[in-house]
């Protein structure tokens, strides 16, 4: 089940809200969330629900032991064991096939193995358990006495299958006590519907066109068509993932939780470093705090630490070489910026550094899109006019004209420009922004919900790109 589905919108969520608000005590409400979260997970992974519960309870037990022996020599081995268990589980389900296939290729032997299904959200909940035990070890929090709190933290359905990666320390107090607020609930509805609109109206429509342009590979389009197609994919993946994060944050608010922001207009960045401070913020924060800094950060073996973090960032996204290349590519850009490019861009107009980032980012998305490295190289050759292909085609013009409105809307929506224009217009017309908001926001929400519902009823194209990460 995904948030952008009719079953979730018109069956699962209404029933959950009714049962949740009928329950009076915080303990009962927490159990309602746990049971409905497990049902949500079981909808797509009924066999793997046991794995989720076991991982949560094992993490809970290790946290208690680390808390008990924190000031002894046992604490570090306990933390190492807990982290290792989660990494082994993640690697077994996500990377076994990749590792054995490559080993077979390198050794020129056939290594048989049984294909295992990838549990939904395993990359997220294993990382959250690692955060939890590491924070207990560092003394940032005390291990809760109730396993119910740990189970709710890990299974809470808004962030379960696609993040954002949350830390127990950020929601510990909210699990124990939270007050219902009509304004917070209203904010949650608004945020959820914005995310739904991003996903269904923008990402789905843009993605369908992008796949038509890109799936022909380097042989199927022109130079401008290649740039247009990868730009469409860049918009698709942004609205797909940020839309899902918006829906997760909105759902959290409906139940009284405040989850961390995960996106901050990454496409207005002027460097790769800035881009990754704005894109999938929770993942970047995890690798910074639990990998990069413990390895030594900027103070010791900086280049090694950077390589490790960006290798892992790429590998986390998928068991394929193209994701590793994608991660190392951004690591290289960040290194070049640190040693030279940042100083150059400081003396140049801001538009130059922004253009650099847009080009560099689109090149990066080529590595992300094409799992076949050779096809990715050919596509990059096409983009930079090295393939001998035509610069444009009549078909591209037809596609662009048919999609120009939604393309323009998507570009504007991926920046703060729309908000600035609305604010400026209200000031010029001397209208009260709060009064307009009270009327316009509910109307806009109804329009977005109706449009998204109509699209979900009338279309079968509703992928979620980060669903299996």
Protein backbone atom coordinates (compact mmCIF):
# COMPACT_ATOMS: atom_id res chain seq x y z
CA UNK A 1 0.00 0.00 0.00
CA UNK A 2 1.21 3.50 -0.80
CA UNK A 3 -0.17 6.86 0.27
CA UNK A 4 -1.07 7.76 -3.31
CA UNK A 5 -3.64 4.99 -3.66
CA UNK A 6 -7.41 5.04 -3.47
CA UNK A 7 -7.45 2.28 -0.86
CA UNK A 8 -5.25 4.32 1.45
CA UNK A 9 -7.04 7.62 0.84
CA UNK A 10 -10.62 6.43 1.16
CA UNK A 11 -10.45 3.32 3.33
CA UNK A 12 -7.33 2.84 5.43
CA UNK A 13 -6.76 6.47 6.54
CA UNK A 14 -10.41 7.33 7.42
CA UNK A 15 -10.79 4.14 9.48
CA UNK A 16 -7.49 4.78 11.26
CA UNK A 17 -8.42 8.37 12.11
CA UNK A 18 -11.78 7.31 13.54
CA UNK A 19 -10.29 4.53 15.70
CA UNK A 20 -7.37 6.71 16.76
CA UNK A 21 -9.50 9.61 18.01
CA UNK A 22 -12.05 7.30 19.65
CA UNK A 23 -9.20 6.01 21.83
CA UNK A 24 -8.78 8.42 24.73
CA UNK A 25 -5.45 7.68 26.41
CA UNK A 26 -2.04 8.12 24.81
CA UNK A 27 -1.25 4.45 25.50
CA UNK A 28 -4.30 3.25 23.59
CA UNK A 29 -3.57 5.65 20.73
CA UNK A 30 0.00 4.39 20.51
CA UNK A 31 -1.25 0.81 20.26
CA UNK A 32 -3.74 1.84 17.59
CA UNK A 33 -0.86 3.33 15.58
CA UNK A 34 1.27 0.21 16.07
CA UNK A 35 -1.49 -2.18 14.98
CA UNK A 36 -2.51 -0.10 11.97
CA UNK A 37 1.15 0.42 11.04
CA UNK A 38 1.75 -3.33 11.10
CA UNK A 39 -1.40 -3.82 9.00
CA UNK A 40 -0.12 -1.18 6.58
CA UNK A 41 3.19 -3.03 6.26
CA UNK A 42 1.51 -6.42 6.01
CA UNK A 43 -0.57 -5.19 3.07
CA UNK A 44 2.55 -5.28 0.90
CA UNK A 45 4.82 -7.60 2.91
CA UNK A 46 2.75 -10.08 4.98
CA UNK A 47 5.65 -12.55 5.17
CA UNK A 48 8.19 -9.93 6.27
CA UNK A 49 6.19 -8.41 9.09
CA UNK A 50 7.90 -10.83 11.48
CA UNK A 51 11.29 -9.51 10.40
CA UNK A 52 10.24 -5.95 11.16
CA UNK A 53 9.01 -6.89 14.65
CA UNK A 54 12.09 -9.01 15.42
CA UNK A 55 14.46 -6.25 14.30
CA UNK A 56 12.67 -3.73 16.50
CA UNK A 57 12.67 -5.98 19.59
CA UNK A 58 16.29 -7.05 19.12
CA UNK A 59 17.27 -3.38 18.83
CA UNK A 60 15.28 -2.69 22.01
CA UNK A 61 17.08 -5.43 23.93
CA UNK A 62 20.51 -4.26 22.79
CA UNK A 63 19.66 -0.70 23.79
CA UNK A 64 18.80 -1.89 27.31
CA UNK A 65 22.09 -3.78 27.54
CA UNK A 66 24.08 -0.80 26.21
CA UNK A 67 22.31 1.44 28.73
CA UNK A 68 23.14 -0.99 31.55
CA UNK A 69 26.81 -1.37 30.63
CA UNK A 70 27.43 2.08 29.13
CA UNK A 71 30.35 2.93 31.39
CA UNK A 72 32.01 -0.46 31.07
CA UNK A 73 34.11 -2.19 28.44
CA UNK A 74 31.05 -4.16 27.30
CA UNK A 75 29.25 -1.13 25.86
CA UNK A 76 31.26 -0.84 22.65
CA UNK A 77 31.11 -4.58 21.76
CA UNK A 78 27.35 -4.50 22.37
CA UNK A 79 26.95 -1.51 20.06
CA UNK A 80 29.17 -3.16 17.44
CA UNK A 81 27.11 -6.36 17.62
CA UNK A 82 23.82 -4.49 17.30
CA UNK A 83 25.04 -2.47 14.30
CA UNK A 84 26.50 -5.60 12.70
CA UNK A 85 23.23 -7.50 13.04
CA UNK A 86 21.34 -4.74 11.24
CA UNK A 87 23.98 -4.39 8.52
CA UNK A 88 24.03 -8.17 7.96
CA UNK A 89 20.23 -8.28 7.69
CA UNK A 90 20.25 -5.36 5.24
CA UNK A 91 23.06 -6.88 3.16
CA UNK A 92 21.47 -10.33 3.08
CA UNK A 93 18.15 -9.12 1.71
CA UNK A 94 19.39 -6.25 -0.45
CA UNK A 95 22.87 -7.12 -1.67
CA UNK A 96 23.29 -10.92 -1.72
CA UNK A 97 22.42 -11.26 -5.42
CA UNK A 98 24.62 -8.32 -6.42
CA UNK A 99 27.64 -9.54 -4.46
CA UNK A 100 27.39 -13.16 -5.64
CA UNK A 101 26.79 -12.17 -9.26
CA UNK A 102 29.90 -10.00 -9.26
CA UNK A 103 31.93 -12.64 -7.43
CA UNK A 104 30.87 -15.22 -10.00
CA UNK A 105 31.91 -12.87 -12.79
CA UNK A 106 35.31 -12.07 -11.27
CA UNK A 107 36.14 -15.72 -10.47
CA UNK A 108 34.60 -17.07 -13.69
CA UNK A 109 32.56 -19.60 -11.74
CA UNK A 110 28.86 -20.10 -11.20
CA UNK A 111 27.77 -19.52 -7.62
CA UNK A 112 24.15 -20.64 -7.19
CA UNK A 113 21.95 -18.77 -4.74
CA UNK A 114 18.28 -18.46 -3.90
CA UNK A 115 16.75 -15.11 -4.85
CA UNK A 116 15.27 -13.41 -1.78
CA UNK A 117 12.56 -10.76 -1.82
CA UNK A 118 13.58 -7.30 -0.65
CA UNK A 119 11.47 -6.28 2.38
CA UNK A 120 9.83 -2.90 1.88
CA UNK A 121 11.52 -0.12 3.83
CA UNK A 122 14.38 -2.27 5.14
CA UNK A 123 16.95 0.42 4.26
CA UNK A 124 15.03 2.86 6.45
CA UNK A 125 14.11 0.83 9.52
CA UNK A 126 17.57 -0.81 9.87
CA UNK A 127 19.19 2.64 9.77
CA UNK A 128 16.73 3.93 12.38
CA UNK A 129 17.59 1.06 14.72
CA UNK A 130 21.29 1.86 14.24
CA UNK A 131 20.57 5.52 15.10
CA UNK A 132 18.68 4.41 18.19
CA UNK A 133 21.35 2.12 19.66
CA UNK A 134 24.18 4.53 18.75
CA UNK A 135 22.39 7.41 20.50
CA UNK A 136 21.91 5.26 23.62
CA UNK A 137 25.62 4.42 23.52
CA UNK A 138 26.55 8.12 23.22
CA UNK A 139 24.23 9.03 26.09
CA UNK A 140 21.99 11.18 23.88
CA UNK A 141 18.97 9.30 25.23
CA UNK A 142 18.01 6.64 27.75
CA UNK A 143 16.66 3.34 26.51
CA UNK A 144 12.90 3.31 27.20
CA UNK A 145 11.62 0.62 29.53
CA UNK A 146 8.63 -0.20 27.33
CA UNK A 147 9.14 -2.20 24.09
CA UNK A 148 5.94 -0.57 22.85
CA UNK A 149 7.79 2.73 22.37
CA UNK A 150 10.49 1.05 20.30
CA UNK A 151 7.92 -0.82 18.22
CA UNK A 152 6.01 2.39 17.50
CA UNK A 153 9.23 4.20 16.58
CA UNK A 154 10.25 1.55 14.06
CA UNK A 155 6.84 0.64 12.63
CA UNK A 156 5.17 4.10 12.51
CA UNK A 157 3.70 3.88 9.01
CA UNK A 158 4.19 7.49 7.75
CA UNK A 159 7.97 7.05 7.59
CA UNK A 160 8.16 3.25 7.45
CA UNK A 161 8.60 2.48 3.77
CA UNK A 162 10.31 5.60 2.41
CA UNK A 163 11.48 7.77 5.27
CA UNK A 164 12.36 10.35 6.24
CA UNK A 165 14.84 8.59 8.55
CA UNK A 166 13.85 9.79 12.01
CA UNK A 167 15.74 9.50 15.27
CA UNK A 168 14.15 8.29 18.46
CA UNK A 169 15.52 11.29 20.32
CA UNK A 170 13.44 13.58 18.08
CA UNK A 171 10.10 11.89 18.80
CA UNK A 172 10.71 10.35 22.23
CA UNK A 173 8.70 13.00 24.06
CA UNK A 174 5.95 12.89 21.40
CA UNK A 175 5.54 9.14 21.89
CA UNK A 176 5.05 9.62 25.63
CA UNK A 177 2.79 12.65 25.53
CA UNK A 178 1.27 14.74 22.78
CA UNK A 179 -1.78 16.96 22.71
CA UNK A 180 -4.39 17.07 19.98
CA UNK A 181 -4.44 20.40 18.17
CA UNK A 182 -6.95 21.36 15.51
CA UNK A 183 -4.44 23.73 13.95
CA UNK A 184 -1.76 21.01 13.82
CA UNK A 185 -4.27 18.56 12.32
CA UNK A 186 -5.22 21.17 9.72
CA UNK A 187 -1.54 21.75 8.91
CA UNK A 188 -1.17 18.01 8.52
CA UNK A 189 -4.04 17.76 6.04
CA UNK A 190 -2.67 20.67 4.04
CA UNK A 191 0.85 19.21 3.95
CA UNK A 192 -0.44 15.76 3.02
CA UNK A 193 -2.51 17.07 0.12
CA UNK A 194 0.38 19.17 -1.18
CA UNK A 195 2.47 16.00 -1.20
CA UNK A 196 -0.33 14.06 -2.87
CA UNK A 197 -0.53 16.69 -5.59
CA UNK A 198 3.23 16.58 -6.11
CA UNK A 199 3.14 12.82 -6.47
CA UNK A 200 -0.01 12.18 -8.50
CA UNK A 201 -0.45 15.37 -10.55
CA UNK A 202 3.19 16.27 -11.21
CA UNK A 203 5.46 13.25 -10.71
CA UNK A 204 3.18 10.71 -12.38
CA UNK A 205 2.43 12.85 -15.43
CA UNK A 206 6.02 13.98 -15.87
CA UNK A 207 7.35 10.48 -15.24
CA UNK A 208 5.21 8.90 -17.94
CA UNK A 209 6.62 11.32 -20.51
CA UNK A 210 10.17 10.94 -19.17
CA UNK A 211 10.07 7.15 -19.50
CA UNK A 212 8.81 7.44 -23.08
CA UNK A 213 11.73 9.73 -23.93
CA UNK A 214 14.46 7.91 -21.99
CA UNK A 215 13.60 4.25 -22.38
CA UNK A 216 14.75 4.29 -25.98
CA UNK A 217 18.24 5.04 -24.65
CA UNK A 218 20.89 6.82 -26.66
CA UNK A 219 19.58 5.37 -29.90
CA UNK A 220 16.06 6.62 -29.48
CA UNK A 221 16.29 10.40 -29.18
CA UNK A 222 18.15 13.58 -30.18
CA UNK A 223 20.64 15.72 -28.28
CA UNK A 224 17.99 18.14 -27.02
CA UNK A 225 15.66 15.20 -26.44
CA UNK A 226 18.25 13.63 -24.13
CA UNK A 227 18.54 16.82 -22.06
CA UNK A 228 14.75 17.22 -22.03
CA UNK A 229 14.23 13.61 -20.97
CA UNK A 230 16.73 13.66 -18.12
CA UNK A 231 15.37 17.04 -16.96
CA UNK A 232 11.90 15.47 -16.84
CA UNK A 233 13.31 12.59 -14.80
CA UNK A 234 14.97 15.07 -12.41
CA UNK A 235 11.58 16.70 -11.84
CA UNK A 236 9.84 13.33 -11.54
CA UNK A 237 12.17 11.97 -8.86
CA UNK A 238 12.04 15.26 -6.92
CA UNK A 239 8.26 15.45 -6.85
CA UNK A 240 7.96 11.70 -6.30
CA UNK A 241 10.24 11.60 -3.26
CA UNK A 242 9.60 15.05 -1.80
CA UNK A 243 5.87 14.51 -2.33
CA UNK A 244 6.05 11.30 -0.36
CA UNK A 245 8.05 13.04 2.38
CA UNK A 246 5.42 15.81 2.50
CA UNK A 247 2.69 13.21 2.88
CA UNK A 248 4.67 11.48 5.66
CA UNK A 249 5.21 14.77 7.52
CA UNK A 250 1.54 15.69 7.05
CA UNK A 251 0.35 12.33 8.39
CA UNK A 252 2.66 12.74 11.36
CA UNK A 253 1.08 16.09 12.18
CA UNK A 254 -2.42 14.56 12.01
CA UNK A 255 -1.42 12.21 14.84
CA UNK A 256 0.49 14.83 16.82
CA UNK A 257 4.04 14.10 15.63
CA UNK A 258 6.45 16.62 14.17
CA UNK A 259 8.84 14.87 11.79
CA UNK A 260 12.00 16.43 10.36
CA UNK A 261 11.94 18.14 6.99
CA UNK A 262 13.57 16.10 4.24
CA UNK A 263 13.79 18.54 1.29
CA UNK A 264 14.54 22.23 0.96
CA UNK A 265 14.32 23.21 -2.72
CA UNK A 266 17.48 21.33 -3.79
CA UNK A 267 17.29 22.53 -7.41
CA UNK A 268 18.06 26.13 -6.44
CA UNK A 269 21.46 25.02 -5.10
CA UNK A 270 24.73 26.47 -6.37
CA UNK A 271 27.02 23.57 -5.50
CA UNK A 272 26.89 19.81 -5.02
CA UNK A 273 27.53 20.31 -1.30
CA UNK A 274 24.55 22.66 -1.07
CA UNK A 275 22.44 20.24 -3.13
CA UNK A 276 23.05 17.46 -0.60
CA UNK A 277 22.24 19.74 2.30
CA UNK A 278 18.81 20.16 0.68
CA UNK A 279 18.12 16.70 -0.84
CA UNK A 280 17.08 13.74 1.36
CA UNK A 281 18.26 15.66 4.40
CA UNK A 282 17.63 12.79 6.81
CA UNK A 283 19.87 10.38 4.88
CA UNK A 284 22.65 12.95 4.59
CA UNK A 285 22.37 13.62 8.32
CA UNK A 286 22.64 9.90 9.08
CA UNK A 287 25.84 9.42 7.08
CA UNK A 288 27.32 12.63 8.51
CA UNK A 289 26.62 11.84 12.16
CA UNK A 290 27.03 8.05 12.22
CA UNK A 291 29.70 7.44 9.55
CA UNK A 292 31.60 10.58 8.47
CA UNK A 293 32.22 12.17 11.88
CA UNK A 294 33.07 8.88 13.68
CA UNK A 295 35.61 8.14 10.91
CA UNK A 296 37.31 11.47 11.58
CA UNK A 297 35.30 13.97 9.53
CA UNK A 298 37.37 16.83 8.16
CA UNK A 299 40.08 16.40 10.78
CA UNK A 300 41.56 13.00 9.94
CA UNK A 301 41.84 11.24 6.56
CA UNK A 302 39.27 13.52 4.97
CA UNK A 303 39.53 12.02 1.48
CA UNK A 304 39.04 8.47 2.76
CA UNK A 305 36.05 9.52 4.85
CA UNK A 306 34.50 11.32 1.90
CA UNK A 307 35.01 8.28 -0.34
CA UNK A 308 33.44 5.91 2.21
CA UNK A 309 30.39 8.12 2.77
CA UNK A 310 29.64 8.63 -0.91
CA UNK A 311 30.30 5.00 -1.78
CA UNK A 312 27.79 4.01 0.91
CA UNK A 313 25.34 6.73 -0.15
CA UNK A 314 25.29 5.36 -3.67
CA UNK A 315 25.19 1.71 -2.59
CA UNK A 316 22.34 2.43 -0.16
CA UNK A 317 20.16 3.48 -3.09
CA UNK A 318 20.43 0.15 -4.87
CA UNK A 319 22.40 -3.04 -5.45
CA UNK A 320 23.80 -1.96 -8.79
CA UNK A 321 27.05 -0.41 -10.02
CA UNK A 322 25.28 2.60 -11.48
CA UNK A 323 24.22 3.73 -8.00
CA UNK A 324 27.80 3.36 -6.74
CA UNK A 325 29.05 5.45 -9.68
CA UNK A 326 26.31 8.00 -8.94
CA UNK A 327 27.36 8.29 -5.30
CA UNK A 328 31.09 8.53 -6.07
CA UNK A 329 30.36 11.09 -8.77
CA UNK A 330 28.80 13.43 -6.21
CA UNK A 331 31.63 12.70 -3.79
CA UNK A 332 34.13 13.76 -6.47
CA UNK A 333 32.19 16.97 -7.16
CA UNK A 334 32.16 17.84 -3.46
CA UNK A 335 35.92 17.19 -3.25
CA UNK A 336 36.63 19.37 -6.30
CA UNK A 337 34.46 22.12 -4.86
CA UNK A 338 36.36 22.00 -1.59
CA UNK A 339 39.82 22.19 -3.13
CA UNK A 340 39.17 24.61 -6.01
CA UNK A 341 35.70 25.23 -7.43
CA UNK A 342 34.25 27.07 -4.44
CA UNK A 343 37.00 29.72 -4.67
CA UNK A 344 36.34 30.15 -8.38
CA UNK A 345 32.58 30.49 -7.98
CA UNK A 346 32.94 33.15 -5.26
CA UNK A 347 34.28 35.63 -7.81
CA UNK A 348 31.80 34.72 -10.57
CA UNK A 349 28.11 35.68 -10.89
CA UNK A 350 25.73 33.44 -8.95
CA UNK A 351 24.10 32.35 -12.22
CA UNK A 352 27.34 30.60 -13.24
CA UNK A 353 27.50 28.39 -10.15
CA UNK A 354 23.79 27.65 -10.42
CA UNK A 355 24.17 26.63 -14.06
CA UNK A 356 27.11 24.42 -13.08
CA UNK A 357 24.99 22.67 -10.47
CA UNK A 358 22.07 22.12 -12.84
CA UNK A 359 24.32 20.56 -15.50
CA UNK A 360 26.23 18.49 -12.94
CA UNK A 361 23.00 17.34 -11.30
CA UNK A 362 21.45 16.26 -14.63
CA UNK A 363 24.61 14.30 -15.49
CA UNK A 364 24.29 12.64 -12.09
CA UNK A 365 20.69 11.62 -12.75
CA UNK A 366 21.86 9.81 -15.90
CA UNK A 367 23.90 7.47 -13.69
CA UNK A 368 20.89 7.05 -11.43
CA UNK A 369 18.43 6.26 -14.25
CA UNK A 370 20.44 3.83 -16.38
CA UNK A 371 21.34 0.66 -14.51
CA UNK A 372 23.45 -0.41 -17.51
CA UNK A 373 26.70 1.59 -17.21
CA UNK A 374 27.48 1.25 -20.92
CA UNK A 375 24.08 2.66 -21.81
CA UNK A 376 24.65 5.51 -19.37
CA UNK A 377 27.96 6.36 -21.03
CA UNK A 378 26.32 6.31 -24.47
CA UNK A 379 23.53 8.56 -23.22
CA UNK A 380 26.04 11.07 -21.83
CA UNK A 381 27.80 11.03 -25.18
CA UNK A 382 24.48 11.84 -26.82
CA UNK A 383 23.82 14.71 -24.38
CA UNK A 384 27.16 16.33 -25.22
CA UNK A 385 26.83 15.87 -28.97
CA UNK A 386 29.37 13.06 -29.32
CA UNK A 387 27.10 10.44 -30.86
CA UNK A 388 26.39 12.03 -34.23
CA UNK A 389 22.64 12.17 -33.47
CA UNK A 390 20.41 15.02 -34.64
CA UNK A 391 20.14 18.02 -32.34
CA UNK A 392 16.36 17.82 -32.30
CA UNK A 393 13.43 16.05 -33.94
CA UNK A 394 9.89 16.91 -34.92
CA UNK A 395 8.57 14.38 -32.38
CA UNK A 396 10.41 16.18 -29.57
CA UNK A 397 8.74 19.45 -30.54
CA UNK A 398 5.32 17.79 -30.41
CA UNK A 399 6.03 16.26 -26.99
CA UNK A 400 7.35 19.55 -25.62
CA UNK A 401 4.36 21.56 -26.85
CA UNK A 402 1.93 19.03 -25.39
CA UNK A 403 3.67 19.08 -21.99
CA UNK A 404 4.86 22.69 -21.76
CA UNK A 405 2.25 23.78 -19.21
CA UNK A 406 2.88 21.01 -16.69
CA UNK A 407 6.64 21.33 -17.35
CA UNK A 408 6.50 25.06 -16.52
CA UNK A 409 4.36 24.44 -13.43
CA UNK A 410 6.77 21.76 -12.25
CA UNK A 411 9.80 24.01 -12.67
CA UNK A 412 8.10 26.79 -10.73
CA UNK A 413 6.91 24.38 -8.01
CA UNK A 414 10.45 23.05 -7.51
CA UNK A 415 11.57 26.53 -6.42
CA UNK A 416 10.28 29.11 -3.88
CA UNK A 417 9.23 31.31 -6.82
CA UNK A 418 5.51 30.53 -6.60
CA UNK A 419 5.41 31.51 -2.92
CA UNK A 420 7.29 34.74 -3.59
CA UNK A 421 4.93 35.70 -6.44
CA UNK A 422 1.81 35.02 -4.37
CA UNK A 423 3.16 37.03 -1.41
CA UNK A 424 4.14 39.92 -3.69
CA UNK A 425 0.73 39.91 -5.37
CA UNK A 426 -1.10 39.98 -2.03
CA UNK A 427 1.01 42.90 -0.84
CA UNK A 428 0.46 44.81 -4.06
CA UNK A 429 -3.30 44.27 -3.83
CA UNK A 430 -3.19 45.12 -0.10
CA UNK A 431 -4.97 41.92 0.84
CA UNK A 432 -4.65 40.21 4.20
CA UNK A 433 -2.59 37.03 3.65
CA UNK A 434 -4.16 35.29 6.67
CA UNK A 435 -7.71 35.99 5.51
CA UNK A 436 -6.92 34.81 1.99
CA UNK A 437 -5.24 31.70 3.39
CA UNK A 438 -8.31 30.74 5.43
CA UNK A 439 -10.39 30.63 2.25
CA UNK A 440 -7.90 29.73 -0.47
CA UNK A 441 -6.08 26.83 1.22
CA UNK A 442 -9.18 24.66 1.86
CA UNK A 443 -10.45 25.34 -1.68
CA UNK A 444 -7.05 24.51 -3.17
CA UNK A 445 -6.87 21.34 -1.09
CA UNK A 446 -10.26 20.18 -2.40
CA UNK A 447 -9.21 20.92 -5.97
CA UNK A 448 -5.93 18.99 -5.58
CA UNK A 449 -7.67 16.05 -3.90
CA UNK A 450 -10.35 15.89 -6.60
CA UNK A 451 -7.75 16.11 -9.39
CA UNK A 452 -5.53 13.47 -7.79
CA UNK A 453 -8.50 11.15 -7.26
CA UNK A 454 -9.59 11.52 -10.86
CA UNK A 455 -6.07 10.75 -12.06
CA UNK A 456 -5.77 7.70 -9.81
CA UNK A 457 -9.10 6.38 -11.07
CA UNK A 458 -8.25 6.97 -14.72
CA UNK A 459 -4.59 5.93 -14.86
CA UNK A 460 -2.59 2.81 -14.06
CA UNK A 461 0.75 4.68 -14.02
CA UNK A 462 1.52 5.29 -10.33
CA UNK A 463 5.11 4.19 -9.56
CA UNK A 464 7.06 5.21 -6.49
CA UNK A 465 10.78 5.41 -7.30
CA UNK A 466 12.06 5.12 -3.70
CA UNK A 467 9.59 2.38 -2.74
CA UNK A 468 12.20 -0.42 -2.74
CA UNK A 469 15.19 1.48 -1.38
